[in-house]
Amino acid sequence: MADSPARVVIFGPASWNEIVLLDHLPEPVPHMQFAQDRWHAVGGTSAGKALHLTSPGLDVELHTLLASDGDGRRVADALRGAGVTVMAHEADRTERHLNLMTPAGERVSLYLATPSLASAEQQANLLTALRGSDHAVIDLTETGRSLIAQVRATPTPPTIWVDLHDYDGAAEFHEPFLRNADIVFMNGDATDDPESLIRSCVERGPKIAVCTLGAHGAIAVADDGVIVRTAAEPIDHIVDTNGAGDAFMAGFLAAHISGVPLAESLRAGGRQALAALQTKHLHPALAD
């Protein structure tokens, strides 16, 4: 009998976003600009990871806080239509962003609405789901911050994956995530020395730390101290950069689960990121 697929449970944001494309980001002075394009789309770092992990055929379940409103229904319907198993936990509001983008991929994200902390009952249900997984992806939210140490304290904990995003190596909010994770990801936006950053992360607990560097590829280190670097995958035209980091992490996770070496997992992440870069949506399946 074939082994059952690895069970991946993701907890974190799924949102309804408006994307506005500008020729340059606004200056901090009163002025007027004309948008080059605008559209609505599913957003949220956890939604992006779930979309890109669903395609390899893993057993993936997305837990997220959504209100019973129009935005929440649009998010849930779109994700389920793309094949994602969505477990929606009732929230007071659905997360909503306004993303100002440039053709070069620069972004300012304005958070228009975010859900409140999950209730005690919801946190208990989330804890059960995360503890019952083989791989728990816990994204940066106040609820995730409350839960991650409890997931780690499970007698046989899952492998815990965390995306630290633009971590600078010192932000206090990130500390519980960093210290309880097995594998962490971040981008290089807040550092001039990504090698030192990922080494400092591994010194505080994770077995692997990965930093994506955009057009310069990615760098990673495991607890053996060996630095691995890979080049960015070639691409002729970038449509939109939203969700590329989430796609990279998903591609890496799927490859790592299959047992390939660290360098090949990085390359798999780069290849998966291409799918996000070539669509206005988090994943091509949402464009159907």
C-alpha atoms as a PDB file:
ATOM      1  CA  MET A   1       0.000   0.000   0.000  1.00  0.00           C
ATOM      2  CA  ALA A   2       1.350   3.431  -0.920  1.00  0.00           C
ATOM      3  CA  ASP A   3       2.145   5.827   1.907  1.00  0.00           C
ATOM      4  CA  SER A   4      -0.515   8.461   2.513  1.00  0.00           C
ATOM      5  CA  PRO A   5       0.522  12.002   1.502  1.00  0.00           C
ATOM      6  CA  ALA A   6       2.008  14.286   4.129  1.00  0.00           C
ATOM      7  CA  ARG A   7      -0.647  16.311   5.925  1.00  0.00           C
ATOM      8  CA  VAL A   8      -0.015  20.065   5.835  1.00  0.00           C
ATOM      9  CA  VAL A   9      -2.147  22.409   7.940  1.00  0.00           C
ATOM     10  CA  ILE A  10      -1.795  26.144   7.328  1.00  0.00           C
ATOM     11  CA  PHE A  11      -3.106  28.831   9.648  1.00  0.00           C
ATOM     12  CA  GLY A  12      -3.102  32.512   8.846  1.00  0.00           C
ATOM     13  CA  PRO A  13      -4.509  35.289   6.684  1.00  0.00           C
ATOM     14  CA  ALA A  14      -6.695  35.106   3.621  1.00  0.00           C
ATOM     15  CA  SER A  15      -7.933  38.485   2.425  1.00  0.00           C
ATOM     16  CA  TRP A  16      -9.825  40.362  -0.251  1.00  0.00           C
ATOM     17  CA  ASN A  17      -7.515  42.875  -1.898  1.00  0.00           C
ATOM     18  CA  GLU A  18      -7.690  45.750  -4.306  1.00  0.00           C
ATOM     19  CA  ILE A  19      -4.505  46.105  -6.355  1.00  0.00           C
ATOM     20  CA  VAL A  20      -3.689  49.509  -7.847  1.00  0.00           C
ATOM     21  CA  LEU A  21      -0.834  49.716 -10.361  1.00  0.00           C
ATOM     22  CA  LEU A  22       1.041  53.037 -10.405  1.00  0.00           C
ATOM     23  CA  ASP A  23       4.043  54.182 -12.419  1.00  0.00           C
ATOM     24  CA  HIS A  24       5.746  55.039  -9.105  1.00  0.00           C
ATOM     25  CA  LEU A  25       4.879  54.828  -5.427  1.00  0.00           C
ATOM     26  CA  PRO A  26       3.306  57.994  -3.993  1.00  0.00           C
ATOM     27  CA  GLU A  27       5.506  60.640  -2.438  1.00  0.00           C
ATOM     28  CA  PRO A  28       4.568  61.661   1.148  1.00  0.00           C
ATOM     29  CA  VAL A  29       3.097  64.997   0.016  1.00  0.00           C
ATOM     30  CA  PRO A  30      -0.391  65.965  -1.182  1.00  0.00           C
ATOM     31  CA  HIS A  31      -0.668  65.273  -4.905  1.00  0.00           C
ATOM     32  CA  MET A  32      -2.615  63.423  -7.618  1.00  0.00           C
ATOM     33  CA  GLN A  33      -1.675  60.281  -9.546  1.00  0.00           C
ATOM     34  CA  PHE A  34      -3.403  58.258 -12.244  1.00  0.00           C
ATOM     35  CA  ALA A  35      -3.614  54.485 -11.883  1.00  0.00           C
ATOM     36  CA  GLN A  36      -2.315  52.409 -14.792  1.00  0.00           C
ATOM     37  CA  ASP A  37      -4.558  49.491 -13.821  1.00  0.00           C
ATOM     38  CA  ARG A  38      -6.601  48.169 -10.906  1.00  0.00           C
ATOM     39  CA  TRP A  39      -8.244  44.876  -9.973  1.00  0.00           C
ATOM     40  CA  HIS A  40      -9.610  42.888  -7.057  1.00  0.00           C
ATOM     41  CA  ALA A  41      -8.042  39.595  -6.032  1.00  0.00           C
ATOM     42  CA  VAL A  42      -7.709  37.087  -3.238  1.00  0.00           C
ATOM     43  CA  GLY A  43      -4.755  37.953  -1.031  1.00  0.00           C
ATOM     44  CA  GLY A  44      -3.189  36.844   2.210  1.00  0.00           C
ATOM     45  CA  THR A  45       0.067  35.030   2.825  1.00  0.00           C
ATOM     46  CA  SER A  46      -1.604  31.822   4.007  1.00  0.00           C
ATOM     47  CA  ALA A  47      -3.963  31.746   1.036  1.00  0.00           C
ATOM     48  CA  GLY A  48      -0.967  32.022  -1.280  1.00  0.00           C
ATOM     49  CA  LYS A  49       0.854  29.146   0.378  1.00  0.00           C
ATOM     50  CA  ALA A  50      -2.255  26.958   0.317  1.00  0.00           C
ATOM     51  CA  LEU A  51      -2.810  27.597  -3.390  1.00  0.00           C
ATOM     52  CA  HIS A  52       0.747  26.673  -4.322  1.00  0.00           C
ATOM     53  CA  LEU A  53       0.830  23.631  -2.037  1.00  0.00           C
ATOM     54  CA  THR A  54      -2.473  22.304  -3.337  1.00  0.00           C
ATOM     55  CA  SER A  55      -1.108  21.899  -6.847  1.00  0.00           C
ATOM     56  CA  PRO A  56       1.590  19.301  -5.969  1.00  0.00           C
ATOM     57  CA  GLY A  57      -1.162  17.014  -4.603  1.00  0.00           C
ATOM     58  CA  LEU A  58      -0.311  17.129  -0.900  1.00  0.00           C
ATOM     59  CA  ASP A  59      -2.983  16.767   1.794  1.00  0.00           C
ATOM     60  CA  VAL A  60      -3.361  20.498   2.495  1.00  0.00           C
ATOM     61  CA  GLU A  61      -5.884  22.284   4.712  1.00  0.00           C
ATOM     62  CA  LEU A  62      -6.111  26.065   5.132  1.00  0.00           C
ATOM     63  CA  HIS A  63      -7.520  27.427   8.383  1.00  0.00           C
ATOM     64  CA  THR A  64      -8.291  31.135   8.283  1.00  0.00           C
ATOM     65  CA  LEU A  65     -10.472  33.761   9.954  1.00  0.00           C
ATOM     66  CA  LEU A  66     -13.251  35.004   7.646  1.00  0.00           C
ATOM     67  CA  ALA A  67     -16.430  36.955   8.339  1.00  0.00           C
ATOM     68  CA  SER A  68     -19.805  35.935   6.917  1.00  0.00           C
ATOM     69  CA  ASP A  69     -19.809  38.946   4.622  1.00  0.00           C
ATOM     70  CA  GLY A  70     -19.414  39.527   0.931  1.00  0.00           C
ATOM     71  CA  ASP A  71     -15.633  39.713   1.104  1.00  0.00           C
ATOM     72  CA  GLY A  72     -15.416  36.530   3.155  1.00  0.00           C
ATOM     73  CA  ARG A  73     -17.645  34.642   0.741  1.00  0.00           C
ATOM     74  CA  ARG A  74     -15.644  35.869  -2.251  1.00  0.00           C
ATOM     75  CA  VAL A  75     -12.393  34.710  -0.664  1.00  0.00           C
ATOM     76  CA  ALA A  76     -13.715  31.288   0.374  1.00  0.00           C
ATOM     77  CA  ASP A  77     -15.476  30.642  -2.937  1.00  0.00           C
ATOM     78  CA  ALA A  78     -12.417  31.583  -5.000  1.00  0.00           C
ATOM     79  CA  LEU A  79     -10.047  29.426  -2.954  1.00  0.00           C
ATOM     80  CA  ARG A  80     -12.376  26.419  -2.964  1.00  0.00           C
ATOM     81  CA  GLY A  81     -12.896  26.865  -6.694  1.00  0.00           C
ATOM     82  CA  ALA A  82      -9.114  26.605  -7.088  1.00  0.00           C
ATOM     83  CA  GLY A  83      -9.071  23.307  -5.180  1.00  0.00           C
ATOM     84  CA  VAL A  84      -8.061  24.543  -1.710  1.00  0.00           C
ATOM     85  CA  THR A  85      -9.631  22.877   1.323  1.00  0.00           C
ATOM     86  CA  VAL A  86     -10.725  25.903   3.362  1.00  0.00           C
ATOM     87  CA  MET A  87     -11.716  25.716   7.020  1.00  0.00           C
ATOM     88  CA  ALA A  88     -13.195  29.166   7.668  1.00  0.00           C
ATOM     89  CA  HIS A  89     -13.391  30.243  11.312  1.00  0.00           C
ATOM     90  CA  GLU A  90     -16.015  32.921  11.919  1.00  0.00           C
ATOM     91  CA  ALA A  91     -14.482  36.365  12.380  1.00  0.00           C
ATOM     92  CA  ASP A  92     -15.800  39.835  13.136  1.00  0.00           C
ATOM     93  CA  ARG A  93     -14.395  41.102   9.833  1.00  0.00           C
ATOM     94  CA  THR A  94     -12.639  39.787   6.758  1.00  0.00           C
ATOM     95  CA  GLU A  95      -9.094  40.990   6.210  1.00  0.00           C
ATOM     96  CA  ARG A  96      -8.863  43.530   3.412  1.00  0.00           C
ATOM     97  CA  HIS A  97      -5.869  45.283   1.841  1.00  0.00           C
ATOM     98  CA  LEU A  98      -5.230  48.049  -0.638  1.00  0.00           C
ATOM     99  CA  ASN A  99      -1.934  47.283  -2.391  1.00  0.00           C
ATOM    100  CA  LEU A 100      -0.198  50.053  -4.305  1.00  0.00           C
ATOM    101  CA  MET A 101       2.152  48.436  -6.832  1.00  0.00           C
ATOM    102  CA  THR A 102       4.639  49.538  -9.470  1.00  0.00           C
ATOM    103  CA  PRO A 103       5.727  47.611 -12.581  1.00  0.00           C
ATOM    104  CA  ALA A 104       9.087  47.052 -10.844  1.00  0.00           C
ATOM    105  CA  GLY A 105       7.356  45.122  -8.044  1.00  0.00           C
ATOM    106  CA  GLU A 106       7.526  47.816  -5.373  1.00  0.00           C
ATOM    107  CA  ARG A 107       4.584  47.651  -2.995  1.00  0.00           C
ATOM    108  CA  VAL A 108       2.863  49.560  -0.237  1.00  0.00           C
ATOM    109  CA  SER A 109       0.192  47.486   1.530  1.00  0.00           C
ATOM    110  CA  LEU A 110      -2.533  49.386   3.357  1.00  0.00           C
ATOM    111  CA  TYR A 111      -4.421  47.165   5.797  1.00  0.00           C
ATOM    112  CA  LEU A 112      -8.026  48.338   5.653  1.00  0.00           C
ATOM    113  CA  ALA A 113      -9.441  45.658   7.974  1.00  0.00           C
ATOM    114  CA  THR A 114      -8.046  42.783  10.039  1.00  0.00           C
ATOM    115  CA  PRO A 115      -9.898  40.167  12.131  1.00  0.00           C
ATOM    116  CA  SER A 116      -9.771  40.257  15.905  1.00  0.00           C
ATOM    117  CA  LEU A 117      -7.981  37.565  17.916  1.00  0.00           C
ATOM    118  CA  ALA A 118      -9.617  34.138  17.560  1.00  0.00           C
ATOM    119  CA  SER A 119     -11.891  33.133  20.450  1.00  0.00           C
ATOM    120  CA  ALA A 120     -10.789  30.610  23.059  1.00  0.00           C
ATOM    121  CA  GLU A 121     -12.926  27.928  21.389  1.00  0.00           C
ATOM    122  CA  GLN A 122     -11.497  28.731  17.962  1.00  0.00           C
ATOM    123  CA  GLN A 123      -7.948  28.643  19.327  1.00  0.00           C
ATOM    124  CA  ALA A 124      -8.611  25.205  20.823  1.00  0.00           C
ATOM    125  CA  ASN A 125      -9.889  23.956  17.457  1.00  0.00           C
ATOM    126  CA  LEU A 126      -6.909  25.466  15.632  1.00  0.00           C
ATOM    127  CA  LEU A 127      -4.521  23.890  18.108  1.00  0.00           C
ATOM    128  CA  THR A 128      -6.074  20.468  17.508  1.00  0.00           C
ATOM    129  CA  ALA A 129      -5.755  20.865  13.733  1.00  0.00           C
ATOM    130  CA  LEU A 130      -2.155  22.072  13.854  1.00  0.00           C
ATOM    131  CA  ARG A 131      -1.066  19.384  16.308  1.00  0.00           C
ATOM    132  CA  GLY A 132      -2.656  16.732  14.102  1.00  0.00           C
ATOM    133  CA  SER A 133      -0.598  17.668  11.059  1.00  0.00           C
ATOM    134  CA  ASP A 134       2.743  16.406   9.794  1.00  0.00           C
ATOM    135  CA  HIS A 135       3.712  19.944   8.811  1.00  0.00           C
ATOM    136  CA  ALA A 136       2.207  23.042  10.451  1.00  0.00           C
ATOM    137  CA  VAL A 137       2.582  26.356   8.632  1.00  0.00           C
ATOM    138  CA  ILE A 138       1.860  29.127  11.135  1.00  0.00           C
ATOM    139  CA  ASP A 139       1.837  32.606   9.645  1.00  0.00           C
ATOM    140  CA  LEU A 140       2.320  35.924  11.429  1.00  0.00           C
ATOM    141  CA  THR A 141      -0.868  36.864  13.286  1.00  0.00           C
ATOM    142  CA  GLU A 142      -1.668  37.587  16.918  1.00  0.00           C
ATOM    143  CA  THR A 143      -3.569  34.298  17.088  1.00  0.00           C
ATOM    144  CA  GLY A 144      -0.623  32.399  15.591  1.00  0.00           C
ATOM    145  CA  ARG A 145       1.670  34.070  18.118  1.00  0.00           C
ATOM    146  CA  SER A 146      -0.560  32.763  20.905  1.00  0.00           C
ATOM    147  CA  LEU A 147      -0.612  29.215  19.527  1.00  0.00           C
ATOM    148  CA  ILE A 148       2.858  28.419  18.219  1.00  0.00           C
ATOM    149  CA  ALA A 149       4.522  27.566  21.540  1.00  0.00           C
ATOM    150  CA  GLN A 150       1.614  25.237  22.362  1.00  0.00           C
ATOM    151  CA  VAL A 151       2.047  23.468  19.026  1.00  0.00           C
ATOM    152  CA  ARG A 152       5.771  23.072  19.767  1.00  0.00           C
ATOM    153  CA  ALA A 153       4.966  21.668  23.241  1.00  0.00           C
ATOM    154  CA  THR A 154       2.984  18.764  21.740  1.00  0.00           C
ATOM    155  CA  PRO A 155       4.590  15.402  22.725  1.00  0.00           C
ATOM    156  CA  THR A 156       5.173  14.596  19.043  1.00  0.00           C
ATOM    157  CA  PRO A 157       5.009  18.022  17.362  1.00  0.00           C
ATOM    158  CA  PRO A 158       4.695  18.507  13.620  1.00  0.00           C
ATOM    159  CA  THR A 159       7.464  20.176  11.663  1.00  0.00           C
ATOM    160  CA  ILE A 160       6.716  23.877  12.161  1.00  0.00           C
ATOM    161  CA  TRP A 161       7.234  26.240   9.210  1.00  0.00           C
ATOM    162  CA  VAL A 162       7.188  30.027   9.621  1.00  0.00           C
ATOM    163  CA  ASP A 163       7.438  32.857   7.107  1.00  0.00           C
ATOM    164  CA  LEU A 164       9.051  35.845   8.869  1.00  0.00           C
ATOM    165  CA  HIS A 165       8.645  38.086   5.787  1.00  0.00           C
ATOM    166  CA  ASP A 166      10.781  41.255   6.081  1.00  0.00           C
ATOM    167  CA  TYR A 167      12.406  40.244   9.380  1.00  0.00           C
ATOM    168  CA  ASP A 168      15.289  42.429  10.521  1.00  0.00           C
ATOM    169  CA  GLY A 169      16.762  40.001  13.041  1.00  0.00           C
ATOM    170  CA  ALA A 170      15.473  41.830  16.101  1.00  0.00           C
ATOM    171  CA  ALA A 171      11.713  42.543  15.892  1.00  0.00           C
ATOM    172  CA  GLU A 172      10.130  41.429  19.164  1.00  0.00           C
ATOM    173  CA  PHE A 173       6.830  40.321  17.578  1.00  0.00           C
ATOM    174  CA  HIS A 174       8.661  37.661  15.563  1.00  0.00           C
ATOM    175  CA  GLU A 175      10.518  36.071  18.484  1.00  0.00           C
ATOM    176  CA  PRO A 176       7.954  33.385  19.486  1.00  0.00           C
ATOM    177  CA  PHE A 177       7.643  32.378  15.844  1.00  0.00           C
ATOM    178  CA  LEU A 178      11.397  32.170  15.336  1.00  0.00           C
ATOM    179  CA  ARG A 179      12.171  30.283  18.543  1.00  0.00           C
ATOM    180  CA  ASN A 180       9.460  27.651  18.041  1.00  0.00           C
ATOM    181  CA  ALA A 181       9.938  27.003  14.314  1.00  0.00           C
ATOM    182  CA  ASP A 182      11.866  24.210  12.629  1.00  0.00           C
ATOM    183  CA  ILE A 183      12.213  25.995   9.276  1.00  0.00           C
ATOM    184  CA  VAL A 184      11.976  29.753   8.736  1.00  0.00           C
ATOM    185  CA  PHE A 185      11.793  31.937   5.646  1.00  0.00           C
ATOM    186  CA  MET A 186      12.311  35.645   5.179  1.00  0.00           C
ATOM    187  CA  ASN A 187      13.122  38.118   2.433  1.00  0.00           C
ATOM    188  CA  GLY A 188      16.161  40.352   2.297  1.00  0.00           C
ATOM    189  CA  ASP A 189      14.317  43.675   2.358  1.00  0.00           C
ATOM    190  CA  ALA A 190      15.368  44.581   5.914  1.00  0.00           C
ATOM    191  CA  THR A 191      18.999  43.463   5.856  1.00  0.00           C
ATOM    192  CA  ASP A 192      22.267  44.258   4.103  1.00  0.00           C
ATOM    193  CA  ASP A 193      23.779  40.992   5.321  1.00  0.00           C
ATOM    194  CA  PRO A 194      21.411  38.065   4.649  1.00  0.00           C
ATOM    195  CA  GLU A 195      24.060  35.460   5.517  1.00  0.00           C
ATOM    196  CA  SER A 196      24.498  36.823   9.031  1.00  0.00           C
ATOM    197  CA  LEU A 197      20.724  37.124   9.395  1.00  0.00           C
ATOM    198  CA  ILE A 198      19.991  33.493   8.572  1.00  0.00           C
ATOM    199  CA  ARG A 199      22.910  32.281  10.716  1.00  0.00           C
ATOM    200  CA  SER A 200      21.535  34.236  13.667  1.00  0.00           C
ATOM    201  CA  CYS A 201      18.129  32.628  13.111  1.00  0.00           C
ATOM    202  CA  VAL A 202      19.516  29.083  13.190  1.00  0.00           C
ATOM    203  CA  GLU A 203      21.426  29.896  16.368  1.00  0.00           C
ATOM    204  CA  ARG A 204      18.072  30.555  18.076  1.00  0.00           C
ATOM    205  CA  GLY A 205      16.376  27.269  17.264  1.00  0.00           C
ATOM    206  CA  PRO A 206      15.335  26.541  13.663  1.00  0.00           C
ATOM    207  CA  LYS A 207      17.092  23.748  11.785  1.00  0.00           C
ATOM    208  CA  ILE A 208      16.954  25.633   8.461  1.00  0.00           C
ATOM    209  CA  ALA A 209      16.706  29.339   7.605  1.00  0.00           C
ATOM    210  CA  VAL A 210      16.052  30.636   4.087  1.00  0.00           C
ATOM    211  CA  CYS A 211      16.265  34.195   2.764  1.00  0.00           C
ATOM    212  CA  THR A 212      14.905  35.091  -0.666  1.00  0.00           C
ATOM    213  CA  LEU A 213      16.760  37.832  -2.520  1.00  0.00           C
ATOM    214  CA  GLY A 214      14.516  38.605  -5.488  1.00  0.00           C
ATOM    215  CA  ALA A 215      16.483  38.782  -8.713  1.00  0.00           C
ATOM    216  CA  HIS A 216      19.576  37.640  -6.810  1.00  0.00           C
ATOM    217  CA  GLY A 217      18.108  34.232  -5.993  1.00  0.00           C
ATOM    218  CA  ALA A 218      18.051  32.759  -2.500  1.00  0.00           C
ATOM    219  CA  ILE A 219      20.381  31.791   0.315  1.00  0.00           C
ATOM    220  CA  ALA A 220      19.917  29.165   3.022  1.00  0.00           C
ATOM    221  CA  VAL A 221      21.729  27.607   5.950  1.00  0.00           C
ATOM    222  CA  ALA A 222      21.017  24.439   7.911  1.00  0.00           C
ATOM    223  CA  ASP A 223      22.140  23.672  11.448  1.00  0.00           C
ATOM    224  CA  ASP A 224      25.339  22.165  10.033  1.00  0.00           C
ATOM    225  CA  GLY A 225      26.427  25.733   9.234  1.00  0.00           C
ATOM    226  CA  VAL A 226      26.858  25.211   5.479  1.00  0.00           C
ATOM    227  CA  ILE A 227      25.601  28.130   3.372  1.00  0.00           C
ATOM    228  CA  VAL A 228      23.784  27.231   0.137  1.00  0.00           C
ATOM    229  CA  ARG A 229      23.080  29.784  -2.611  1.00  0.00           C
ATOM    230  CA  THR A 230      21.002  29.497  -5.757  1.00  0.00           C
ATOM    231  CA  ALA A 231      20.399  31.903  -8.627  1.00  0.00           C
ATOM    232  CA  ALA A 232      16.977  33.256  -9.500  1.00  0.00           C
ATOM    233  CA  GLU A 233      15.026  31.383 -12.141  1.00  0.00           C
ATOM    234  CA  PRO A 234      15.049  33.236 -15.487  1.00  0.00           C
ATOM    235  CA  ILE A 235      11.843  35.042 -16.421  1.00  0.00           C
ATOM    236  CA  ASP A 236      11.110  37.224 -19.443  1.00  0.00           C
ATOM    237  CA  HIS A 237       8.268  39.302 -18.031  1.00  0.00           C
ATOM    238  CA  ILE A 238       6.963  39.797 -14.497  1.00  0.00           C
ATOM    239  CA  VAL A 239       3.234  40.495 -14.385  1.00  0.00           C
ATOM    240  CA  ASP A 240       2.862  40.963 -10.616  1.00  0.00           C
ATOM    241  CA  THR A 241       5.055  40.169  -7.593  1.00  0.00           C
ATOM    242  CA  ASN A 242       2.272  39.617  -5.039  1.00  0.00           C
ATOM    243  CA  GLY A 243       2.548  36.152  -3.541  1.00  0.00           C
ATOM    244  CA  ALA A 244       5.922  35.232  -5.038  1.00  0.00           C
ATOM    245  CA  GLY A 245       7.466  34.670  -1.607  1.00  0.00           C
ATOM    246  CA  ASP A 246       4.585  32.446  -0.544  1.00  0.00           C
ATOM    247  CA  ALA A 247       4.914  30.450  -3.768  1.00  0.00           C
ATOM    248  CA  PHE A 248       8.658  30.072  -3.154  1.00  0.00           C
ATOM    249  CA  MET A 249       8.074  28.725   0.352  1.00  0.00           C
ATOM    250  CA  ALA A 250       5.419  26.310  -0.925  1.00  0.00           C
ATOM    251  CA  GLY A 251       7.708  24.980  -3.648  1.00  0.00           C
ATOM    252  CA  PHE A 252      10.534  24.551  -1.155  1.00  0.00           C
ATOM    253  CA  LEU A 253       8.243  22.789   1.342  1.00  0.00           C
ATOM    254  CA  ALA A 254       6.926  20.309  -1.215  1.00  0.00           C
ATOM    255  CA  ALA A 255      10.460  19.513  -2.385  1.00  0.00           C
ATOM    256  CA  HIS A 256      11.854  19.235   1.143  1.00  0.00           C
ATOM    257  CA  ILE A 257       9.109  16.810   2.145  1.00  0.00           C
ATOM    258  CA  SER A 258      10.135  14.610  -0.786  1.00  0.00           C
ATOM    259  CA  GLY A 259      13.641  14.363   0.658  1.00  0.00           C
ATOM    260  CA  VAL A 260      15.702  16.300  -1.879  1.00  0.00           C
ATOM    261  CA  PRO A 261      18.850  18.220  -0.822  1.00  0.00           C
ATOM    262  CA  LEU A 262      18.695  21.823   0.368  1.00  0.00           C
ATOM    263  CA  ALA A 263      19.965  23.320  -2.897  1.00  0.00           C
ATOM    264  CA  GLU A 264      17.348  21.475  -4.936  1.00  0.00           C
ATOM    265  CA  SER A 265      14.616  22.594  -2.511  1.00  0.00           C
ATOM    266  CA  LEU A 266      15.728  26.195  -3.099  1.00  0.00           C
ATOM    267  CA  ARG A 267      15.562  25.690  -6.859  1.00  0.00           C
ATOM    268  CA  ALA A 268      12.102  24.137  -6.523  1.00  0.00           C
ATOM    269  CA  GLY A 269      11.015  27.213  -4.590  1.00  0.00           C
ATOM    270  CA  GLY A 270      12.323  29.453  -7.356  1.00  0.00           C
ATOM    271  CA  ARG A 271      10.482  27.480 -10.013  1.00  0.00           C
ATOM    272  CA  GLN A 272       7.218  27.676  -8.056  1.00  0.00           C
ATOM    273  CA  ALA A 273       7.621  31.434  -7.598  1.00  0.00           C
ATOM    274  CA  LEU A 274       7.491  31.826 -11.381  1.00  0.00           C
ATOM    275  CA  ALA A 275       3.837  30.755 -11.319  1.00  0.00           C
ATOM    276  CA  ALA A 276       2.977  33.710  -9.069  1.00  0.00           C
ATOM    277  CA  LEU A 277       5.105  36.195 -10.991  1.00  0.00           C
ATOM    278  CA  GLN A 278       3.326  35.483 -14.276  1.00  0.00           C
ATOM    279  CA  THR A 279      -0.226  36.231 -13.135  1.00  0.00           C
ATOM    280  CA  LYS A 280      -2.161  39.107 -11.554  1.00  0.00           C
ATOM    281  CA  HIS A 281      -3.360  36.634  -8.949  1.00  0.00           C
ATOM    282  CA  LEU A 282      -1.702  34.619  -6.190  1.00  0.00           C
ATOM    283  CA  HIS A 283      -1.894  31.534  -8.407  1.00  0.00           C
ATOM    284  CA  PRO A 284      -2.923  30.978 -12.053  1.00  0.00           C
ATOM    285  CA  ALA A 285      -5.866  28.868 -10.887  1.00  0.00           C
ATOM    286  CA  LEU A 286      -7.571  32.031  -9.594  1.00  0.00           C
ATOM    287  CA  ALA A 287      -7.486  33.586 -13.050  1.00  0.00           C
ATOM    288  CA  ASP A 288      -9.814  30.936 -14.494  1.00  0.00           C
END
